[in-house]
Amino acid sequence: MIAVEMDHISRSFGHIRAVADLCLSVPQGSIFGLVGPNGAGKTTIINILLGLIEPTSGSSKVLGYDCVSQSQKVREASGVLFERSGLYEGLSVWDNLLFIARAHHMQPLLITLRIHELLDKYGLIERQHDPAGKLSRGMRRRLSLARALVHQPSILFLDEPSSGLDPLAAKCLRNDLIDYCQHQNATVFLTSHNLTEVEEICDHVGIIRDGNLISSGRLTDLLSASTASTIEVIGFGFDESVITTLHGMANISVIFQSDEHLIIETDATADLALISGSIINCGGSIKEFQRGKSSLGKLYGDLMGGNHAG
């Protein structure tokens, strides 16, 4: 089943086109990460999917519900965490969760059990009676996530979910998202500037620039299709004759050299035996020889022309 489907979606704000003819499909039960620079259209896409704004053209569905005509159904099935917390700061931690639980018509007994479970999970038991506005930024973030999960939604929309969390809390969050998807068959649709985080937890990824989706699909497929690759060679005798020979081979460039260390950039079809044989024939000696792994960061940098998310 497809959890999220966007069919030729465009959205303009005056003369600014925030999203341009975007087509996207996200399978149910997956963790999808949408990455791109500030202003690329990521938050606009989430707002369209939640029915908070209408597209200029095109159509979209979440869990089979039309995002315009059935937007209330979409929001009932969704948990949402925006970069800004949206908490009711005058209400206590407990009452923030209680308000959302009642809004989703949860049974009273289930509400109490669920709130206790989430407060314990996110380390907020001792602060449950404190106003949300008195919490630290990290604690507010944890409360926001608990609020998004309180009604056990079928899909989560998370805008920069680890923003404001320390590294340990961010790691726990990633583990929680993976666990939630596996046990609830839920879908996560998140945006993030943290490419390492996205690569760690997402099985599907989309890369967006200036409102255009320039790449999307299963992460493993995107990385394996990437032509860029590095080879690391450790040994000795890597003199000028070795470098000259390597530069004379097709699709190869040496991007780092010392007498005992080489890093070579090539494509995914490179013949490793030919490269290592050429080094040895030129008098070099090899102790270790391995292909470096493709990464989302490398793929992102290639597609953005060297620009990075900011």
Protein backbone atom coordinates (compact mmCIF):
# COMPACT_ATOMS: atom_id res chain seq x y z
CA MET A 1 0.00 0.00 0.00
CA ILE A 2 1.11 3.56 -0.73
CA ALA A 3 0.98 5.82 2.33
CA VAL A 4 1.75 9.12 0.57
CA GLU A 5 1.10 9.91 -3.06
CA MET A 6 1.69 13.27 -4.72
CA ASP A 7 0.69 13.66 -8.37
CA HIS A 8 2.13 16.67 -10.22
CA ILE A 9 1.82 18.94 -7.19
CA SER A 10 2.73 22.60 -7.61
CA ARG A 11 2.32 25.44 -5.15
CA SER A 12 3.03 29.12 -5.72
CA PHE A 13 3.00 32.05 -3.32
CA GLY A 14 2.56 35.05 -5.56
CA HIS A 15 5.44 35.01 -8.03
CA ILE A 16 7.38 32.45 -5.96
CA ARG A 17 6.99 28.81 -6.93
CA ALA A 18 7.64 26.83 -3.77
CA VAL A 19 6.88 23.38 -5.23
CA ALA A 20 7.13 22.57 -8.93
CA ASP A 21 5.27 19.66 -10.58
CA LEU A 22 6.28 17.22 -7.87
CA CYS A 23 5.47 13.51 -8.11
CA LEU A 24 6.24 11.33 -5.12
CA SER A 25 5.22 7.95 -3.73
CA VAL A 26 6.02 6.70 -0.21
CA PRO A 27 5.27 3.06 0.73
CA GLN A 28 3.38 2.27 3.91
CA GLY A 29 5.62 1.18 6.78
CA SER A 30 8.65 3.06 5.48
CA ILE A 31 10.67 5.88 6.97
CA PHE A 32 10.97 8.54 4.28
CA GLY A 33 13.43 11.41 4.60
CA LEU A 34 13.07 14.60 2.55
CA VAL A 35 16.28 16.62 2.44
CA GLY A 36 17.23 19.89 0.81
CA PRO A 37 18.41 23.43 1.60
CA ASN A 38 16.34 25.98 3.49
CA GLY A 39 13.61 27.33 1.24
CA ALA A 40 13.60 24.22 -0.96
CA GLY A 41 9.91 23.52 -0.27
CA LYS A 42 10.09 20.80 2.41
CA THR A 43 7.73 22.38 4.94
CA THR A 44 5.34 23.47 2.18
CA ILE A 45 5.07 19.82 1.11
CA ILE A 46 4.16 18.70 4.64
CA ASN A 47 1.56 21.49 4.88
CA ILE A 48 0.00 20.34 1.59
CA LEU A 49 -0.10 16.72 2.75
CA LEU A 50 -1.80 17.73 5.99
CA GLY A 51 -4.36 19.80 4.11
CA LEU A 52 -3.21 23.00 5.82
CA ILE A 53 -2.68 24.68 2.45
CA GLU A 54 -4.06 23.72 -0.96
CA PRO A 55 -1.82 23.11 -3.95
CA THR A 56 -1.97 25.44 -6.92
CA SER A 57 -2.30 22.37 -9.11
CA GLY A 58 -2.09 18.59 -8.82
CA SER A 59 -3.49 16.18 -6.26
CA SER A 60 -2.20 14.26 -3.24
CA LYS A 61 -3.37 11.49 -0.95
CA VAL A 62 -2.33 10.29 2.52
CA LEU A 63 -3.41 6.78 3.52
CA GLY A 64 -5.91 6.90 0.64
CA TYR A 65 -7.52 10.17 1.81
CA ASP A 66 -7.54 13.16 -0.51
CA CYS A 67 -5.51 15.93 1.13
CA VAL A 68 -7.98 18.64 0.11
CA SER A 69 -11.48 17.14 0.30
CA GLN A 70 -10.65 14.74 3.17
CA SER A 71 -8.05 16.78 5.04
CA GLN A 72 -9.74 16.19 8.41
CA LYS A 73 -9.39 12.43 7.93
CA VAL A 74 -5.72 12.91 7.09
CA ARG A 75 -5.08 14.90 10.25
CA GLU A 76 -6.98 12.41 12.42
CA ALA A 77 -4.68 9.63 11.20
CA SER A 78 -1.50 11.70 11.52
CA GLY A 79 0.94 12.65 14.22
CA VAL A 80 2.70 15.95 13.59
CA LEU A 81 5.90 17.52 14.87
CA PHE A 82 6.90 20.84 13.33
CA GLU A 83 10.22 22.55 13.91
CA ARG A 84 8.37 25.03 16.13
CA SER A 85 6.89 23.06 19.01
CA GLY A 86 3.33 24.44 18.92
CA LEU A 87 2.90 23.46 22.57
CA TYR A 88 0.37 25.18 24.80
CA GLU A 89 2.98 26.73 27.05
CA GLY A 90 0.54 27.73 29.79
CA LEU A 91 -0.70 24.16 30.15
CA SER A 92 1.15 21.53 32.13
CA VAL A 93 3.07 18.74 30.45
CA TRP A 94 0.28 16.32 31.36
CA ASP A 95 -2.48 18.62 30.10
CA ASN A 96 -0.74 19.13 26.75
CA LEU A 97 -0.91 15.38 26.17
CA LEU A 98 -4.41 15.13 27.62
CA PHE A 99 -5.71 17.84 25.27
CA ILE A 100 -4.44 16.02 22.16
CA ALA A 101 -5.67 12.62 23.41
CA ARG A 102 -9.18 13.97 23.98
CA ALA A 103 -9.12 15.75 20.61
CA HIS A 104 -8.58 12.33 19.05
CA HIS A 105 -11.46 10.83 21.10
CA MET A 106 -9.33 8.29 22.94
CA GLN A 107 -10.98 6.26 25.70
CA PRO A 108 -10.37 7.77 29.18
CA LEU A 109 -8.65 4.69 30.63
CA LEU A 110 -6.44 4.36 27.58
CA ILE A 111 -5.55 8.05 27.80
CA THR A 112 -4.15 7.71 31.32
CA LEU A 113 -2.12 4.61 30.49
CA ARG A 114 -0.78 6.12 27.27
CA ILE A 115 0.25 9.42 28.87
CA HIS A 116 2.05 7.62 31.69
CA GLU A 117 3.83 5.44 29.14
CA LEU A 118 5.04 8.43 27.11
CA LEU A 119 6.05 10.53 30.12
CA ASP A 120 8.15 7.64 31.37
CA LYS A 121 9.64 6.96 27.94
CA TYR A 122 10.73 10.57 27.41
CA GLY A 123 11.86 11.31 30.95
CA LEU A 124 9.09 13.76 31.77
CA ILE A 125 7.42 12.06 34.75
CA GLU A 126 8.92 14.46 37.29
CA ARG A 127 7.92 17.48 35.16
CA GLN A 128 4.36 16.39 34.36
CA HIS A 129 2.78 19.17 36.45
CA ASP A 130 5.09 21.94 35.19
CA PRO A 131 3.91 24.37 32.53
CA ALA A 132 5.32 23.42 29.12
CA GLY A 133 6.74 26.94 28.79
CA LYS A 134 9.07 26.30 31.75
CA LEU A 135 10.79 23.32 30.10
CA SER A 136 14.17 23.45 28.47
CA ARG A 137 14.30 23.39 24.67
CA GLY A 138 15.26 19.72 24.67
CA MET A 139 12.44 18.78 27.03
CA ARG A 140 9.92 20.74 24.96
CA ARG A 141 11.09 18.78 21.94
CA ARG A 142 10.54 15.51 23.77
CA LEU A 143 7.08 16.65 24.86
CA SER A 144 6.25 17.64 21.28
CA LEU A 145 7.21 14.17 20.08
CA ALA A 146 5.15 12.53 22.84
CA ARG A 147 2.19 14.66 21.79
CA ALA A 148 2.60 13.54 18.17
CA LEU A 149 2.57 9.89 19.28
CA VAL A 150 -0.11 9.94 21.97
CA HIS A 151 -2.94 8.66 19.74
CA GLN A 152 -0.68 6.07 18.02
CA PRO A 153 -1.06 7.55 14.52
CA SER A 154 -0.70 5.55 11.33
CA ILE A 155 1.63 8.18 9.86
CA LEU A 156 4.02 10.69 11.42
CA PHE A 157 5.03 13.98 9.81
CA LEU A 158 8.18 15.28 11.46
CA ASP A 159 9.86 18.56 10.51
CA GLU A 160 13.46 18.51 11.79
CA PRO A 161 12.59 16.04 14.61
CA SER A 162 15.98 16.06 16.37
CA SER A 163 16.29 19.85 16.43
CA GLY A 164 17.23 20.96 19.95
CA LEU A 165 18.08 17.47 21.19
CA ASP A 166 21.47 16.48 22.55
CA PRO A 167 23.26 13.62 20.69
CA LEU A 168 22.07 10.92 23.11
CA ALA A 169 18.45 12.10 23.00
CA ALA A 170 18.62 12.33 19.19
CA LYS A 171 19.93 8.76 19.06
CA CYS A 172 17.08 7.58 21.29
CA LEU A 173 14.61 9.40 19.05
CA ARG A 174 15.93 7.62 15.96
CA ASN A 175 15.63 4.26 17.70
CA ASP A 176 12.08 5.11 18.80
CA LEU A 177 11.04 5.97 15.24
CA ILE A 178 12.43 2.71 13.87
CA ASP A 179 10.74 0.74 16.67
CA TYR A 180 7.43 2.55 16.17
CA CYS A 181 7.36 1.81 12.44
CA GLN A 182 8.20 -1.85 12.95
CA HIS A 183 5.62 -2.50 15.64
CA GLN A 184 2.78 -0.30 14.36
CA ASN A 185 3.33 -0.72 10.61
CA ALA A 186 3.32 3.07 10.63
CA THR A 187 4.91 5.42 8.14
CA VAL A 188 7.27 8.28 8.97
CA PHE A 189 7.67 11.27 6.67
CA LEU A 190 10.44 13.51 7.98
CA THR A 191 12.54 16.45 6.89
CA SER A 192 16.05 16.94 8.21
CA HIS A 193 19.28 18.79 7.60
CA ASN A 194 21.17 15.99 9.32
CA LEU A 195 22.15 13.74 6.41
CA THR A 196 23.84 11.24 8.72
CA GLU A 197 20.61 10.92 10.69
CA VAL A 198 18.56 10.42 7.53
CA GLU A 199 20.96 7.79 6.22
CA GLU A 200 20.84 5.96 9.56
CA ILE A 201 17.07 5.56 9.84
CA CYS A 202 15.45 6.18 6.45
CA ASP A 203 14.84 3.43 3.91
CA HIS A 204 13.45 5.88 1.32
CA VAL A 205 14.78 9.35 0.55
CA GLY A 206 13.89 12.36 -1.58
CA ILE A 207 16.23 15.23 -2.42
CA ILE A 208 14.61 18.55 -3.25
CA ARG A 209 16.05 21.79 -4.62
CA ASP A 210 14.15 24.98 -5.49
CA GLY A 211 10.84 23.14 -5.25
CA ASN A 212 11.95 20.41 -7.65
CA LEU A 213 12.36 16.79 -6.58
CA ILE A 214 15.70 15.92 -8.19
CA SER A 215 16.05 12.39 -6.82
CA SER A 216 13.90 9.96 -4.86
CA GLY A 217 13.58 6.27 -4.16
CA ARG A 218 14.88 3.51 -1.93
CA LEU A 219 18.07 4.73 -0.30
CA THR A 220 20.07 1.61 -1.11
CA ASP A 221 19.12 1.94 -4.78
CA LEU A 222 20.08 5.62 -4.89
CA LEU A 223 23.47 4.93 -3.34
CA SER A 224 24.23 1.94 -5.54
CA ALA A 225 23.28 3.95 -8.61
CA SER A 226 25.63 6.77 -7.63
CA THR A 227 28.62 6.76 -9.99
CA ALA A 228 30.94 8.41 -7.51
CA SER A 229 33.14 6.11 -5.45
CA THR A 230 36.40 6.29 -3.56
CA ILE A 231 39.15 3.72 -3.16
CA GLU A 232 41.53 3.87 -0.21
CA VAL A 233 44.98 2.33 -0.58
CA ILE A 234 47.46 1.91 2.29
CA GLY A 235 51.04 0.72 1.71
CA PHE A 236 54.21 2.44 0.56
CA GLY A 237 56.12 3.48 -2.54
CA PHE A 238 53.35 5.63 -3.96
CA ASP A 239 55.68 7.88 -5.93
CA GLU A 240 55.12 10.06 -8.97
CA SER A 241 55.18 7.14 -11.41
CA VAL A 242 52.25 5.52 -9.58
CA ILE A 243 50.28 8.77 -9.70
CA THR A 244 51.03 9.32 -13.38
CA THR A 245 49.90 5.79 -14.23
CA LEU A 246 46.65 6.14 -12.29
CA HIS A 247 45.85 9.49 -13.87
CA GLY A 248 46.30 7.86 -17.27
CA MET A 249 43.53 5.35 -16.57
CA ALA A 250 39.93 6.10 -17.53
CA ASN A 251 37.64 7.77 -14.96
CA ILE A 252 40.30 7.88 -12.23
CA SER A 253 41.73 10.77 -10.28
CA VAL A 254 43.93 10.78 -7.20
CA ILE A 255 42.45 13.16 -4.63
CA PHE A 256 44.97 12.48 -1.83
CA GLN A 257 48.54 11.19 -1.91
CA SER A 258 51.30 10.55 0.56
CA ASP A 259 54.10 7.99 0.39
CA GLU A 260 51.94 5.50 2.35
CA HIS A 261 48.36 6.51 1.57
CA LEU A 262 46.27 7.06 -1.56
CA ILE A 263 42.65 8.04 -1.96
CA ILE A 264 41.37 7.55 -5.49
CA GLU A 265 38.07 8.77 -6.89
CA THR A 266 36.55 6.73 -9.69
CA ASP A 267 33.20 5.30 -10.77
CA ALA A 268 31.33 2.24 -9.55
CA THR A 269 32.45 0.13 -12.53
CA ALA A 270 36.18 0.50 -11.84
CA ASP A 271 38.26 -2.69 -12.10
CA LEU A 272 39.90 -2.94 -8.67
CA ALA A 273 42.27 -5.69 -9.81
CA LEU A 274 43.50 -3.52 -12.67
CA ILE A 275 44.07 -0.55 -10.35
CA SER A 276 45.93 -2.56 -7.73
CA GLY A 277 47.98 -4.33 -10.43
CA SER A 278 48.99 -1.01 -11.94
CA ILE A 279 50.17 0.30 -8.56
CA ILE A 280 52.27 -2.83 -7.95
CA ASN A 281 53.73 -2.74 -11.48
CA CYS A 282 54.93 0.79 -10.81
CA GLY A 283 56.80 -0.30 -7.67
CA GLY A 284 54.14 0.40 -5.07
CA SER A 285 53.35 -2.07 -2.27
CA ILE A 286 49.81 -2.52 -0.98
CA LYS A 287 48.87 -3.46 2.59
CA GLU A 288 45.18 -2.53 2.45
CA PHE A 289 42.98 -1.85 -0.54
CA GLN A 290 39.25 -1.15 -0.19
CA ARG A 291 36.45 0.66 -1.88
CA GLY A 292 34.86 3.38 0.19
CA LYS A 293 31.12 3.29 0.69
CA SER A 294 28.81 5.70 -1.06
CA SER A 295 27.00 8.00 1.34
CA LEU A 296 23.92 10.19 1.29
CA GLY A 297 26.17 13.16 2.01
CA LYS A 298 28.25 12.44 -1.08
CA LEU A 299 25.17 11.88 -3.25
CA TYR A 300 23.58 15.07 -1.90
CA GLY A 301 26.72 17.08 -2.57
CA ASP A 302 26.96 15.76 -6.13
CA LEU A 303 23.31 16.57 -6.90
CA MET A 304 23.53 20.01 -5.32
CA GLY A 305 26.72 20.87 -7.16
CA GLY A 306 28.70 21.15 -3.94
CA ASN A 307 26.05 23.06 -1.95
CA HIS A 308 25.06 21.72 1.45
CA ALA A 309 21.87 21.82 3.45
CA GLY A 310 21.75 24.78 5.74
